C-alpha atoms as a PDB file:
ATOM      1  CA  MET A   1      -9.209  -4.624  43.650  1.00  0.00           C
ATOM      2  CA  LYS A   2      -8.099  -8.270  43.618  1.00  0.00           C
ATOM      3  CA  PRO A   3      -5.655  -9.139  40.786  1.00  0.00           C
ATOM      4  CA  GLN A   4      -7.949 -11.872  39.448  1.00  0.00           C
ATOM      5  CA  VAL A   5     -10.934  -9.487  39.202  1.00  0.00           C
ATOM      6  CA  GLN A   6      -8.741  -6.818  37.591  1.00  0.00           C
ATOM      7  CA  THR A   7      -7.488  -9.344  35.025  1.00  0.00           C
ATOM      8  CA  MET A   8     -11.047 -10.411  34.204  1.00  0.00           C
ATOM      9  CA  ARG A   9     -12.132  -6.802  33.710  1.00  0.00           C
ATOM     10  CA  SER A  10      -9.123  -6.129  31.522  1.00  0.00           C
ATOM     11  CA  ALA A  11      -9.973  -9.163  29.384  1.00  0.00           C
ATOM     12  CA  THR A  12     -13.577  -7.972  29.039  1.00  0.00           C
ATOM     13  CA  ASP A  13     -12.409  -4.469  28.111  1.00  0.00           C
ATOM     14  CA  ASP A  14     -10.167  -5.940  25.426  1.00  0.00           C
ATOM     15  CA  ALA A  15     -13.075  -8.031  24.117  1.00  0.00           C
ATOM     16  CA  LEU A  16     -15.371  -5.017  23.956  1.00  0.00           C
ATOM     17  CA  GLU A  17     -12.714  -3.021  22.144  1.00  0.00           C
ATOM     18  CA  ARG A  18     -12.418  -5.799  19.538  1.00  0.00           C
ATOM     19  CA  VAL A  19     -16.170  -5.599  18.999  1.00  0.00           C
ATOM     20  CA  ARG A  20     -16.102  -1.808  18.680  1.00  0.00           C
ATOM     21  CA  VAL A  21     -13.279  -2.001  16.139  1.00  0.00           C
ATOM     22  CA  ALA A  22     -15.201  -4.642  14.178  1.00  0.00           C
ATOM     23  CA  LEU A  23     -18.242  -2.361  14.107  1.00  0.00           C
ATOM     24  CA  ASP A  24     -16.115   0.595  13.014  1.00  0.00           C
ATOM     25  CA  ARG A  25     -14.589  -1.471  10.201  1.00  0.00           C
ATOM     26  CA  ASP A  26     -18.110  -2.491   9.164  1.00  0.00           C
ATOM     27  CA  ASP A  27     -16.801  -5.738   7.704  1.00  0.00           C
ATOM     28  CA  GLY A  28     -20.088  -7.566   8.044  1.00  0.00           C
ATOM     29  CA  ALA A  29     -19.710  -8.453  11.740  1.00  0.00           C
ATOM     30  CA  SER A  30     -22.849  -6.717  12.945  1.00  0.00           C
ATOM     31  CA  ASP A  31     -25.249  -9.395  14.204  1.00  0.00           C
ATOM     32  CA  LEU A  32     -25.004 -10.183  17.907  1.00  0.00           C
ATOM     33  CA  ALA A  33     -23.977 -13.837  17.453  1.00  0.00           C
ATOM     34  CA  THR A  34     -21.050 -12.930  15.178  1.00  0.00           C
ATOM     35  CA  LEU A  35     -19.951 -10.127  17.501  1.00  0.00           C
ATOM     36  CA  ALA A  36     -20.164 -12.471  20.503  1.00  0.00           C
ATOM     37  CA  ALA A  37     -17.796 -14.844  18.697  1.00  0.00           C
ATOM     38  CA  VAL A  38     -15.399 -11.932  18.044  1.00  0.00           C
ATOM     39  CA  ALA A  39     -15.511 -11.049  21.743  1.00  0.00           C
ATOM     40  CA  GLY A  40     -15.375 -14.592  23.046  1.00  0.00           C
ATOM     41  CA  LEU A  41     -18.396 -13.791  25.229  1.00  0.00           C
ATOM     42  CA  SER A  42     -21.963 -15.024  25.298  1.00  0.00           C
ATOM     43  CA  PRO A  43     -24.406 -12.802  23.355  1.00  0.00           C
ATOM     44  CA  THR A  44     -26.209 -11.836  26.574  1.00  0.00           C
ATOM     45  CA  HIS A  45     -22.975 -10.932  28.381  1.00  0.00           C
ATOM     46  CA  LEU A  46     -21.761  -8.953  25.371  1.00  0.00           C
ATOM     47  CA  GLN A  47     -25.019  -7.001  25.121  1.00  0.00           C
ATOM     48  CA  ARG A  48     -24.922  -6.013  28.792  1.00  0.00           C
ATOM     49  CA  ALA A  49     -21.199  -5.263  28.938  1.00  0.00           C
ATOM     50  CA  PHE A  50     -21.165  -3.248  25.705  1.00  0.00           C
ATOM     51  CA  ARG A  51     -24.073  -1.084  26.870  1.00  0.00           C
ATOM     52  CA  ARG A  52     -22.436  -0.612  30.250  1.00  0.00           C
ATOM     53  CA  ARG A  53     -19.199   0.622  28.676  1.00  0.00           C
ATOM     54  CA  TYR A  54     -20.406   2.580  25.647  1.00  0.00           C
ATOM     55  CA  GLY A  55     -23.912   3.589  26.721  1.00  0.00           C
ATOM     56  CA  VAL A  56     -25.635   1.911  23.765  1.00  0.00           C
ATOM     57  CA  SER A  57     -26.118  -1.629  22.472  1.00  0.00           C
ATOM     58  CA  PRO A  58     -23.880  -2.948  19.634  1.00  0.00           C
ATOM     59  CA  ALA A  59     -26.807  -2.544  17.230  1.00  0.00           C
ATOM     60  CA  GLU A  60     -27.403   1.069  18.319  1.00  0.00           C
ATOM     61  CA  TYR A  61     -23.672   1.801  18.012  1.00  0.00           C
ATOM     62  CA  ALA A  62     -23.610   0.422  14.476  1.00  0.00           C
ATOM     63  CA  ARG A  63     -26.733   2.348  13.502  1.00  0.00           C
ATOM     64  CA  ALA A  64     -25.396   5.633  14.895  1.00  0.00           C
ATOM     65  CA  ARG A  65     -22.105   5.069  13.055  1.00  0.00           C
ATOM     66  CA  ARG A  66     -23.917   4.467   9.756  1.00  0.00           C
ATOM     67  CA  PHE A  67     -25.981   7.620  10.178  1.00  0.00           C
ATOM     68  CA  GLY A  68     -22.741   9.484  10.880  1.00  0.00           C
ATOM     69  CA  GLN A  69     -21.350   8.214   7.568  1.00  0.00           C
ATOM     70  CA  LEU A  70     -24.615   9.143   5.873  1.00  0.00           C
ATOM     71  CA  ARG A  71     -24.444  12.699   7.227  1.00  0.00           C
ATOM     72  CA  GLU A  72     -20.872  13.121   5.972  1.00  0.00           C
ATOM     73  CA  ALA A  73     -21.701  11.777   2.508  1.00  0.00           C
ATOM     74  CA  LEU A  74     -24.767  13.995   2.199  1.00  0.00           C
ATOM     75  CA  ARG A  75     -22.784  17.043   3.304  1.00  0.00           C
ATOM     76  CA  ASP A  76     -20.221  16.228   0.609  1.00  0.00           C
ATOM     77  CA  GLY A  77     -22.987  16.278  -2.003  1.00  0.00           C
ATOM     78  CA  ALA A  78     -23.295  12.551  -2.711  1.00  0.00           C
ATOM     79  CA  PRO A  79     -26.589  11.470  -4.332  1.00  0.00           C
ATOM     80  CA  VAL A  80     -29.029  10.298  -1.656  1.00  0.00           C
ATOM     81  CA  THR A  81     -29.291   6.727  -2.998  1.00  0.00           C
ATOM     82  CA  ASP A  82     -25.502   6.357  -3.207  1.00  0.00           C
ATOM     83  CA  ALA A  83     -25.009   7.810   0.280  1.00  0.00           C
ATOM     84  CA  VAL A  84     -27.627   5.478   1.775  1.00  0.00           C
ATOM     85  CA  TYR A  85     -26.051   2.311   0.413  1.00  0.00           C
ATOM     86  CA  GLU A  86     -22.444   3.403   0.913  1.00  0.00           C
ATOM     87  CA  ALA A  87     -23.250   3.973   4.598  1.00  0.00           C
ATOM     88  CA  GLY A  88     -24.185   0.306   4.839  1.00  0.00           C
ATOM     89  CA  PHE A  89     -27.972   0.503   4.829  1.00  0.00           C
ATOM     90  CA  GLY A  90     -29.467  -2.414   2.945  1.00  0.00           C
ATOM     91  CA  SER A  91     -32.799  -0.677   2.544  1.00  0.00           C
ATOM     92  CA  GLY A  92     -33.537   2.958   1.824  1.00  0.00           C
ATOM     93  CA  SER A  93     -36.887   2.653   3.584  1.00  0.00           C
ATOM     94  CA  ARG A  94     -35.126   1.946   6.908  1.00  0.00           C
ATOM     95  CA  VAL A  95     -33.248   5.224   6.574  1.00  0.00           C
ATOM     96  CA  TYR A  96     -36.398   7.224   5.971  1.00  0.00           C
ATOM     97  CA  GLU A  97     -38.104   5.569   8.940  1.00  0.00           C
ATOM     98  CA  GLU A  98     -35.426   6.908  11.287  1.00  0.00           C
ATOM     99  CA  SER A  99     -34.218  10.003   9.452  1.00  0.00           C
ATOM    100  CA  ASP A 100     -36.487  12.455  11.258  1.00  0.00           C
ATOM    101  CA  ARG A 101     -34.964  11.439  14.591  1.00  0.00           C
ATOM    102  CA  ARG A 102     -31.376  10.911  13.449  1.00  0.00           C
ATOM    103  CA  LEU A 103     -31.013  13.742  10.940  1.00  0.00           C
ATOM    104  CA  GLY A 104     -33.841  16.052  11.983  1.00  0.00           C
ATOM    105  CA  MET A 105     -35.218  15.844   8.418  1.00  0.00           C
ATOM    106  CA  THR A 106     -35.272  13.518   5.412  1.00  0.00           C
ATOM    107  CA  PRO A 107     -31.897  12.643   3.792  1.00  0.00           C
ATOM    108  CA  ALA A 108     -32.700  14.756   0.725  1.00  0.00           C
ATOM    109  CA  SER A 109     -33.527  17.775   2.883  1.00  0.00           C
ATOM    110  CA  TYR A 110     -30.422  17.255   5.009  1.00  0.00           C
ATOM    111  CA  ARG A 111     -28.251  17.049   1.887  1.00  0.00           C
ATOM    112  CA  ALA A 112     -29.731  20.385   0.801  1.00  0.00           C
ATOM    113  CA  GLY A 113     -28.698  22.027   4.076  1.00  0.00           C
ATOM    114  CA  GLY A 114     -32.214  22.066   5.491  1.00  0.00           C
ATOM    115  CA  ALA A 115     -33.827  23.433   2.349  1.00  0.00           C
ATOM    116  CA  GLY A 116     -37.563  23.008   2.566  1.00  0.00           C
ATOM    117  CA  ALA A 117     -37.696  23.115   6.358  1.00  0.00           C
ATOM    118  CA  SER A 118     -39.791  25.941   7.787  1.00  0.00           C
ATOM    119  CA  ILE A 119     -38.699  27.427  11.110  1.00  0.00           C
ATOM    120  CA  ARG A 120     -40.671  29.854  13.254  1.00  0.00           C
ATOM    121  CA  TYR A 121     -38.900  31.636  16.069  1.00  0.00           C
ATOM    122  CA  THR A 122     -39.228  34.376  18.640  1.00  0.00           C
ATOM    123  CA  THR A 123     -37.048  36.097  21.246  1.00  0.00           C
ATOM    124  CA  THR A 124     -37.712  37.388  24.718  1.00  0.00           C
ATOM    125  CA  GLY A 125     -35.797  39.036  27.527  1.00  0.00           C
ATOM    126  CA  THR A 126     -34.689  37.151  30.653  1.00  0.00           C
ATOM    127  CA  PRO A 127     -32.453  38.036  33.611  1.00  0.00           C
ATOM    128  CA  LEU A 128     -29.816  35.919  31.842  1.00  0.00           C
ATOM    129  CA  GLY A 129     -29.970  37.889  28.606  1.00  0.00           C
ATOM    130  CA  ARG A 130     -31.983  37.352  25.440  1.00  0.00           C
ATOM    131  CA  LEU A 131     -33.617  33.970  24.820  1.00  0.00           C
ATOM    132  CA  LEU A 132     -34.441  32.632  21.342  1.00  0.00           C
ATOM    133  CA  VAL A 133     -36.834  29.721  20.851  1.00  0.00           C
ATOM    134  CA  ALA A 134     -37.330  28.124  17.412  1.00  0.00           C
ATOM    135  CA  THR A 135     -39.655  25.401  16.177  1.00  0.00           C
ATOM    136  CA  THR A 136     -40.258  23.366  13.050  1.00  0.00           C
ATOM    137  CA  ALA A 137     -43.613  21.804  12.188  1.00  0.00           C
ATOM    138  CA  LYS A 138     -42.489  18.770  14.225  1.00  0.00           C
ATOM    139  CA  GLY A 139     -41.225  20.339  17.427  1.00  0.00           C
ATOM    140  CA  ILE A 140     -38.752  22.607  19.182  1.00  0.00           C
ATOM    141  CA  CYS A 141     -35.451  22.656  17.291  1.00  0.00           C
ATOM    142  CA  SER A 142     -33.406  25.324  19.085  1.00  0.00           C
ATOM    143  CA  VAL A 143     -33.307  27.239  22.382  1.00  0.00           C
ATOM    144  CA  THR A 144     -30.373  29.634  22.729  1.00  0.00           C
ATOM    145  CA  LEU A 145     -29.168  32.432  24.998  1.00  0.00           C
ATOM    146  CA  GLY A 146     -27.209  35.523  23.988  1.00  0.00           C
ATOM    147  CA  ASP A 147     -26.572  39.208  24.447  1.00  0.00           C
ATOM    148  CA  ASP A 148     -28.849  40.472  21.692  1.00  0.00           C
ATOM    149  CA  ASP A 149     -31.394  39.350  19.098  1.00  0.00           C
ATOM    150  CA  ALA A 150     -29.077  39.942  16.153  1.00  0.00           C
ATOM    151  CA  ALA A 151     -26.461  37.505  17.464  1.00  0.00           C
ATOM    152  CA  LEU A 152     -29.126  34.905  18.244  1.00  0.00           C
ATOM    153  CA  GLU A 153     -30.657  35.192  14.774  1.00  0.00           C
ATOM    154  CA  ILE A 154     -27.218  34.813  13.155  1.00  0.00           C
ATOM    155  CA  ARG A 155     -26.627  31.648  15.197  1.00  0.00           C
ATOM    156  CA  LEU A 156     -30.002  30.272  14.102  1.00  0.00           C
ATOM    157  CA  ALA A 157     -29.175  31.005  10.466  1.00  0.00           C
ATOM    158  CA  ASP A 158     -25.814  29.236  10.859  1.00  0.00           C
ATOM    159  CA  GLU A 159     -27.531  26.135  12.239  1.00  0.00           C
ATOM    160  CA  PHE A 160     -30.215  26.059   9.538  1.00  0.00           C
ATOM    161  CA  PRO A 161     -28.658  27.908   6.578  1.00  0.00           C
ATOM    162  CA  LEU A 162     -31.149  26.889   3.881  1.00  0.00           C
ATOM    163  CA  ALA A 163     -34.313  26.588   5.931  1.00  0.00           C
ATOM    164  CA  SER A 164     -36.928  29.319   5.697  1.00  0.00           C
ATOM    165  CA  ARG A 165     -37.024  31.290   8.941  1.00  0.00           C
ATOM    166  CA  GLU A 166     -39.970  33.392  10.067  1.00  0.00           C
ATOM    167  CA  ARG A 167     -39.994  35.580  13.148  1.00  0.00           C
ATOM    168  CA  VAL A 168     -43.227  35.334  15.146  1.00  0.00           C
ATOM    169  CA  ASP A 169     -44.021  37.958  17.753  1.00  0.00           C
ATOM    170  CA  GLU A 170     -47.667  38.970  18.113  1.00  0.00           C
ATOM    171  CA  GLY A 171     -49.520  36.010  19.485  1.00  0.00           C
ATOM    172  CA  ARG A 172     -46.311  34.104  18.899  1.00  0.00           C
ATOM    173  CA  ASP A 173     -46.916  30.399  18.501  1.00  0.00           C
ATOM    174  CA  GLU A 174     -48.370  27.879  20.943  1.00  0.00           C
ATOM    175  CA  TRP A 175     -45.156  25.839  21.157  1.00  0.00           C
ATOM    176  CA  LEU A 176     -42.918  28.902  21.411  1.00  0.00           C
ATOM    177  CA  ASP A 177     -45.073  30.318  24.195  1.00  0.00           C
ATOM    178  CA  ALA A 178     -45.010  26.971  26.022  1.00  0.00           C
ATOM    179  CA  VAL A 179     -41.198  26.854  26.083  1.00  0.00           C
ATOM    180  CA  ILE A 180     -40.869  30.458  27.236  1.00  0.00           C
ATOM    181  CA  ALA A 181     -43.447  29.860  29.976  1.00  0.00           C
ATOM    182  CA  ARG A 182     -41.643  26.701  31.088  1.00  0.00           C
ATOM    183  CA  VAL A 183     -38.263  28.425  31.269  1.00  0.00           C
ATOM    184  CA  THR A 184     -39.530  31.458  33.160  1.00  0.00           C
ATOM    185  CA  ARG A 185     -41.518  29.251  35.555  1.00  0.00           C
ATOM    186  CA  ASP A 186     -38.646  26.846  36.255  1.00  0.00           C
ATOM    187  CA  LEU A 187     -36.260  29.680  37.086  1.00  0.00           C
ATOM    188  CA  GLY A 188     -38.674  31.571  39.318  1.00  0.00           C
ATOM    189  CA  TRP A 189     -39.258  34.515  37.002  1.00  0.00           C
ATOM    190  CA  ASP A 190     -42.975  33.758  36.803  1.00  0.00           C
ATOM    191  CA  ASP A 191     -45.264  31.871  39.182  1.00  0.00           C
ATOM    192  CA  GLY A 192     -47.783  30.812  36.547  1.00  0.00           C
ATOM    193  CA  ASP A 193     -48.748  27.267  35.665  1.00  0.00           C
ATOM    194  CA  THR A 194     -46.106  25.025  34.118  1.00  0.00           C
ATOM    195  CA  PRO A 195     -47.279  24.162  30.596  1.00  0.00           C
ATOM    196  CA  ALA A 196     -46.835  20.805  28.925  1.00  0.00           C
ATOM    197  CA  MET A 197     -43.659  20.597  26.878  1.00  0.00           C
ATOM    198  CA  PRO A 198     -44.047  20.463  23.099  1.00  0.00           C
ATOM    199  CA  PRO A 199     -42.278  17.715  21.121  1.00  0.00           C
ATOM    200  CA  ILE A 200     -38.570  18.043  20.342  1.00  0.00           C
ATOM    201  CA  ASP A 201     -37.193  18.051  16.781  1.00  0.00           C
ATOM    202  CA  VAL A 202     -33.440  17.697  17.282  1.00  0.00           C
ATOM    203  CA  ALA A 203     -31.231  15.124  15.533  1.00  0.00           C
ATOM    204  CA  ALA A 204     -29.191  13.038  17.976  1.00  0.00           C
ATOM    205  CA  THR A 205     -27.638   9.645  18.513  1.00  0.00           C
ATOM    206  CA  ALA A 206     -29.054   7.165  21.015  1.00  0.00           C
ATOM    207  CA  PHE A 207     -26.210   7.977  23.417  1.00  0.00           C
ATOM    208  CA  GLN A 208     -26.806  11.723  23.198  1.00  0.00           C
ATOM    209  CA  TRP A 209     -30.480  11.194  24.047  1.00  0.00           C
ATOM    210  CA  ARG A 210     -29.447   9.118  27.077  1.00  0.00           C
ATOM    211  CA  VAL A 211     -27.120  11.878  28.276  1.00  0.00           C
ATOM    212  CA  TRP A 212     -29.659  14.634  27.717  1.00  0.00           C
ATOM    213  CA  ASP A 213     -32.342  12.675  29.539  1.00  0.00           C
ATOM    214  CA  ALA A 214     -29.957  12.126  32.460  1.00  0.00           C
ATOM    215  CA  LEU A 215     -29.191  15.854  32.584  1.00  0.00           C
ATOM    216  CA  THR A 216     -32.876  16.656  33.079  1.00  0.00           C
ATOM    217  CA  ARG A 217     -32.842  14.390  36.148  1.00  0.00           C
ATOM    218  CA  ILE A 218     -30.129  16.350  37.968  1.00  0.00           C
ATOM    219  CA  PRO A 219     -32.023  18.250  40.695  1.00  0.00           C
ATOM    220  CA  ARG A 220     -32.140  22.010  40.354  1.00  0.00           C
ATOM    221  CA  GLY A 221     -29.374  23.598  42.395  1.00  0.00           C
ATOM    222  CA  GLU A 222     -27.092  20.562  42.110  1.00  0.00           C
ATOM    223  CA  THR A 223     -24.217  19.715  39.770  1.00  0.00           C
ATOM    224  CA  LEU A 224     -22.375  16.612  38.610  1.00  0.00           C
ATOM    225  CA  SER A 225     -18.979  16.200  36.998  1.00  0.00           C
ATOM    226  CA  TYR A 226     -18.618  14.507  33.618  1.00  0.00           C
ATOM    227  CA  GLY A 227     -17.236  11.444  35.361  1.00  0.00           C
ATOM    228  CA  GLU A 228     -20.039  11.322  37.919  1.00  0.00           C
ATOM    229  CA  LEU A 229     -22.693  11.451  35.219  1.00  0.00           C
ATOM    230  CA  ALA A 230     -20.850   8.764  33.243  1.00  0.00           C
ATOM    231  CA  ALA A 231     -20.855   6.547  36.339  1.00  0.00           C
ATOM    232  CA  LYS A 232     -24.581   7.135  36.869  1.00  0.00           C
ATOM    233  CA  LEU A 233     -25.202   6.033  33.285  1.00  0.00           C
ATOM    234  CA  GLY A 234     -23.164   2.888  33.878  1.00  0.00           C
ATOM    235  CA  VAL A 235     -20.421   3.948  31.454  1.00  0.00           C
ATOM    236  CA  PRO A 236     -17.615   5.141  33.773  1.00  0.00           C
ATOM    237  CA  LYS A 237     -15.078   5.442  30.955  1.00  0.00           C
ATOM    238  CA  ALA A 238     -17.298   7.672  28.824  1.00  0.00           C
ATOM    239  CA  ALA A 239     -16.634  11.034  30.500  1.00  0.00           C
ATOM    240  CA  ARG A 240     -15.312  12.532  27.245  1.00  0.00           C
ATOM    241  CA  ALA A 241     -18.304  11.237  25.323  1.00  0.00           C
ATOM    242  CA  ILE A 242     -20.516  12.847  27.978  1.00  0.00           C
ATOM    243  CA  GLY A 243     -18.714  16.121  27.322  1.00  0.00           C
ATOM    244  CA  ARG A 244     -19.277  15.841  23.577  1.00  0.00           C
ATOM    245  CA  ALA A 245     -22.978  15.112  24.116  1.00  0.00           C
ATOM    246  CA  CYS A 246     -23.256  18.197  26.335  1.00  0.00           C
ATOM    247  CA  GLY A 247     -21.446  20.269  23.731  1.00  0.00           C
ATOM    248  CA  SER A 248     -23.900  19.218  21.028  1.00  0.00           C
ATOM    249  CA  ASN A 249     -26.967  20.236  23.053  1.00  0.00           C
ATOM    250  CA  LYS A 250     -29.007  22.856  21.184  1.00  0.00           C
ATOM    251  CA  LEU A 251     -31.705  23.287  23.829  1.00  0.00           C
ATOM    252  CA  ALA A 252     -30.409  25.730  26.439  1.00  0.00           C
ATOM    253  CA  LEU A 253     -32.145  25.399  29.819  1.00  0.00           C
ATOM    254  CA  LEU A 254     -34.537  22.679  28.620  1.00  0.00           C
ATOM    255  CA  VAL A 255     -31.606  20.248  28.632  1.00  0.00           C
ATOM    256  CA  PRO A 256     -29.648  21.607  31.619  1.00  0.00           C
ATOM    257  CA  CYS A 257     -26.069  20.918  30.553  1.00  0.00           C
ATOM    258  CA  HIS A 258     -25.105  23.919  32.713  1.00  0.00           C
ATOM    259  CA  ARG A 259     -25.345  21.497  35.678  1.00  0.00           C
ATOM    260  CA  ILE A 260     -22.256  19.630  34.476  1.00  0.00           C
ATOM    261  CA  ILE A 261     -18.896  20.778  35.833  1.00  0.00           C
ATOM    262  CA  ARG A 262     -15.287  19.594  35.664  1.00  0.00           C
ATOM    263  CA  GLU A 263     -13.827  16.915  37.929  1.00  0.00           C
ATOM    264  CA  ASP A 264     -11.919  19.564  39.938  1.00  0.00           C
ATOM    265  CA  GLY A 265     -15.139  21.446  40.713  1.00  0.00           C
ATOM    266  CA  SER A 266     -14.522  24.311  38.288  1.00  0.00           C
ATOM    267  CA  LEU A 267     -17.371  25.294  35.998  1.00  0.00           C
ATOM    268  CA  GLY A 268     -15.764  24.206  32.728  1.00  0.00           C
ATOM    269  CA  GLY A 269     -17.177  25.468  29.449  1.00  0.00           C
ATOM    270  CA  TRP A 270     -20.672  26.298  28.263  1.00  0.00           C
ATOM    271  CA  ARG A 271     -21.649  27.240  24.726  1.00  0.00           C
ATOM    272  CA  TRP A 272     -23.860  30.125  25.874  1.00  0.00           C
ATOM    273  CA  GLY A 273     -21.218  31.830  28.016  1.00  0.00           C
ATOM    274  CA  MET A 274     -19.536  31.251  31.368  1.00  0.00           C
ATOM    275  CA  ASP A 275     -21.012  34.367  32.984  1.00  0.00           C
ATOM    276  CA  ILE A 276     -24.526  33.139  32.208  1.00  0.00           C
ATOM    277  CA  LYS A 277     -23.694  29.638  33.471  1.00  0.00           C
ATOM    278  CA  GLN A 278     -22.414  31.027  36.757  1.00  0.00           C
ATOM    279  CA  GLN A 279     -25.470  33.264  37.181  1.00  0.00           C
ATOM    280  CA  LEU A 280     -27.834  30.438  36.256  1.00  0.00           C
ATOM    281  CA  LEU A 281     -26.355  28.020  38.797  1.00  0.00           C
ATOM    282  CA  ALA A 282     -26.466  30.697  41.485  1.00  0.00           C
ATOM    283  CA  THR A 283     -30.141  31.366  40.692  1.00  0.00           C
ATOM    284  CA  GLU A 284     -30.991  27.656  40.853  1.00  0.00           C
ATOM    285  CA  ARG A 285     -29.141  27.186  44.163  1.00  0.00           C
ATOM    286  CA  ALA A 286     -30.911  30.185  45.671  1.00  0.00           C
ATOM    287  CA  MET A 287     -34.290  28.844  44.556  1.00  0.00           C
ATOM    288  CA  SER A 288     -33.484  25.366  45.830  1.00  0.00           C
ATOM    289  CA  GLY A 289     -32.432  26.749  49.188  1.00  0.00           C
ATOM    290  CA  ALA A 290     -35.559  28.874  49.482  1.00  0.00           C
ATOM    291  CA  GLN A 291     -37.760  25.869  48.756  1.00  0.00           C
ATOM    292  CA  GLY A 292     -35.840  23.465  51.004  1.00  0.00           C
END
């Protein structure tokens, strides 16, 4: 790389870092024009460069940060109104408009640990072990793998401690059946029709959604490293953030974070177990080879 180009990139990196720090301080520098002045860049250049480096726009970064503060305040038991305004939201209505997507429920329900949410779930056997699928009234909220039903049900209770949980077996539930059918079809355990996917009800930041969407686009039987996926997303320095997004995935198999490996080619970690990850990748490669 030519020294002049390297110097320019370094200057841009420094400018973007100043903007990120300003957003983290939340000192009122949140509109694009003010942030552009902080960076010493044009608003258009800042918007593009910030998204390229951090995976989200400055506005999305600020919004995700505020919802992070809101989550912490609600967990600590702060009154909803106080938590909303202390997190920097000028209007409570804006929070409620986005709370289903960002928190997975309203702020009051989140503060109460999911109290009031109703979850229906079922389990089934797969060659990878037991599979649990859970849904709220709004969509699929959890897909997990484990050795036995008891362990899976404990994990579900840990994720949603104050929600009501109802096991559904006979007839199951249309959405639960659809997910099970999709999983078994995608992994070659059943040759039936692939059903339409139900909606998803999982709280996530804009960046996490970008990562999860990118994971679904990795062809079956192939893998990418954290760095390779970061480069594909246009955020080459965000490999660690990619790892955190993979670690927060609650939808085993539907969001195929098992297709992400370490830079040295080793499998790395997986929240549902390394043996299952290894078996799953081997199954996908065998299916891909048979269909190639």
